[in-house]
Amino acid sequence: QVQLVESGGGLVQAGGSLRLSCAASGRAFNNYAMAWFRQAPGEEREFAAGISRSGGNTYYAHSVKGRFTISRDNAKNTVYLQMNSLKPEDTAVYYCAAKFSYSDYVIFDPDTFGSWGQGTQVTVAS
């Protein structure tokens, strides 16, 4: 398992940008697929973006595709989520998650992710 700590959340106006970071501690970060999930008040947790262990494959929810970019720096044990053109409906707690992965093919089912951060609040004002 890895331990995850998110940072970078905050309050932003609609149309603005934020970059979230997730720092991982533990061994072999490059053996883990990483993802960002989010949960709005009264809603289920949902997948936002994911990246394979090598960084070679990225995956996005339809609602964020073209606006969000996930990336990772395996040398720094960190994954990022660049969020542009933010909308009020992006308001949520954003969670970083990790899953041990044997390949670059990943299924982003939250129930299969074993490590989670504490979450960081993103609020987009209209």
Protein backbone atom coordinates (compact mmCIF):
# COMPACT_ATOMS: atom_id res chain seq x y z
CA GLN A 1 0.00 0.00 0.00
CA VAL A 2 0.95 3.60 -0.45
CA GLN A 3 -0.04 6.60 1.63
CA LEU A 4 -1.52 9.51 -0.28
CA VAL A 5 -1.78 13.21 0.56
CA GLU A 6 -3.68 15.61 -1.69
CA SER A 7 -3.17 19.36 -1.94
CA GLY A 8 -4.16 22.22 -4.19
CA GLY A 9 -7.89 22.50 -3.65
CA GLY A 10 -9.65 25.79 -3.02
CA LEU A 11 -12.23 28.29 -4.19
CA VAL A 12 -12.16 29.48 -7.78
CA GLN A 13 -14.50 31.38 -10.09
CA ALA A 14 -16.19 29.59 -12.96
CA GLY A 15 -13.84 29.44 -15.93
CA GLY A 16 -10.79 29.41 -13.70
CA SER A 17 -8.15 26.76 -13.14
CA LEU A 18 -6.70 24.73 -10.30
CA ARG A 19 -4.00 22.09 -10.10
CA LEU A 20 -4.32 19.29 -7.60
CA SER A 21 -1.33 17.31 -6.43
CA CYS A 22 -1.18 13.93 -4.74
CA ALA A 23 2.06 12.90 -3.07
CA ALA A 24 2.58 9.21 -2.42
CA SER A 25 4.83 7.62 0.14
CA GLY A 26 5.86 4.01 0.12
CA ARG A 27 7.69 1.78 -2.28
CA ALA A 28 7.41 1.28 -6.01
CA PHE A 29 5.07 4.14 -6.88
CA ASN A 30 5.51 3.21 -10.53
CA ASN A 31 3.72 -0.09 -9.89
CA TYR A 32 0.49 1.72 -9.12
CA ALA A 33 -2.23 3.02 -11.39
CA MET A 34 -3.50 6.34 -10.05
CA ALA A 35 -6.84 8.05 -10.25
CA TRP A 36 -8.81 11.04 -9.12
CA PHE A 37 -12.35 10.48 -7.95
CA ARG A 38 -14.74 13.15 -6.75
CA GLN A 39 -17.80 13.33 -4.57
CA ALA A 40 -20.29 16.17 -4.53
CA PRO A 41 -22.68 16.69 -1.61
CA GLY A 42 -25.46 14.14 -1.70
CA GLU A 43 -23.92 12.33 -4.65
CA GLU A 44 -22.06 9.07 -5.14
CA ARG A 45 -18.30 9.10 -5.53
CA GLU A 46 -17.45 9.19 -9.24
CA PHE A 47 -14.41 8.65 -11.39
CA ALA A 48 -12.88 11.80 -12.86
CA ALA A 49 -9.50 10.84 -14.34
CA GLY A 50 -6.98 8.02 -14.24
CA ILE A 51 -3.48 7.22 -15.40
CA SER A 52 -1.65 3.95 -15.89
CA ARG A 53 1.46 2.99 -13.97
CA SER A 54 3.79 4.15 -16.73
CA GLY A 55 1.80 7.27 -17.52
CA GLY A 56 1.33 6.01 -21.04
CA ASN A 57 -2.44 5.69 -20.82
CA THR A 58 -4.85 8.27 -19.48
CA TYR A 59 -8.57 8.01 -18.96
CA TYR A 60 -11.23 10.65 -18.37
CA ALA A 61 -14.87 10.84 -17.46
CA HIS A 62 -16.94 12.34 -20.25
CA SER A 63 -17.83 15.30 -18.04
CA VAL A 64 -14.21 16.43 -17.67
CA LYS A 65 -12.63 15.33 -20.94
CA GLY A 66 -10.97 18.23 -22.72
CA ARG A 67 -10.85 20.33 -19.55
CA PHE A 68 -8.88 18.17 -17.09
CA THR A 69 -5.44 16.65 -17.58
CA ILE A 70 -3.96 13.96 -15.37
CA SER A 71 -0.22 13.40 -15.26
CA ARG A 72 2.36 11.78 -13.05
CA ASP A 73 6.00 12.19 -12.16
CA ASN A 74 7.27 8.81 -11.00
CA ALA A 75 10.59 10.31 -9.91
CA LYS A 76 8.69 12.55 -7.46
CA ASN A 77 6.03 9.99 -6.50
CA THR A 78 3.37 12.51 -7.42
CA VAL A 79 0.27 12.60 -9.57
CA TYR A 80 -1.38 15.81 -10.73
CA LEU A 81 -4.77 16.91 -11.95
CA GLN A 82 -4.79 20.11 -13.97
CA MET A 83 -8.34 21.45 -14.07
CA ASN A 84 -9.19 24.18 -16.56
CA SER A 85 -12.46 25.86 -17.56
CA LEU A 86 -13.94 24.91 -14.22
CA LYS A 87 -17.71 24.83 -13.83
CA PRO A 88 -19.88 25.03 -10.71
CA GLU A 89 -20.79 21.38 -11.25
CA ASP A 90 -17.13 20.47 -10.71
CA THR A 91 -17.58 21.43 -7.05
CA ALA A 92 -16.74 18.36 -4.98
CA VAL A 93 -14.25 16.76 -2.66
CA TYR A 94 -11.52 15.31 -4.85
CA TYR A 95 -9.81 12.10 -3.76
CA CYS A 96 -6.58 10.62 -5.01
CA ALA A 97 -6.48 6.83 -5.16
CA ALA A 98 -3.92 4.16 -5.98
CA LYS A 99 -4.19 0.58 -7.19
CA PHE A 100 -1.39 -1.93 -7.68
CA SER A 101 -1.31 -2.75 -11.35
CA TYR A 102 0.54 -5.42 -13.34
CA SER A 103 0.06 -3.68 -16.66
CA ASP A 104 -0.90 -0.43 -18.29
CA TYR A 105 -4.46 -1.68 -18.73
CA VAL A 106 -6.59 -0.44 -15.85
CA ILE A 107 -10.23 -0.66 -14.81
CA PHE A 108 -11.13 2.35 -12.72
CA ASP A 109 -13.64 0.77 -10.39
CA PRO A 110 -13.30 2.58 -7.04
CA ASP A 111 -13.91 -0.66 -5.16
CA THR A 112 -10.64 -2.01 -6.58
CA PHE A 113 -8.51 0.88 -5.32
CA GLY A 114 -6.83 0.05 -2.03
CA SER A 115 -5.25 3.37 -1.09
CA TRP A 116 -7.03 6.68 -0.71
CA GLY A 117 -6.10 10.18 0.31
CA GLN A 118 -8.07 12.30 2.74
CA GLY A 119 -9.59 14.44 -0.01
CA THR A 120 -9.32 18.09 -0.94
CA GLN A 121 -12.25 20.45 -1.43
CA VAL A 122 -12.73 22.18 -4.77
CA THR A 123 -15.41 24.86 -4.90
CA VAL A 124 -16.30 26.61 -8.14
CA ALA A 125 -18.34 29.77 -7.73
CA SER A 126 -20.69 30.89 -10.48
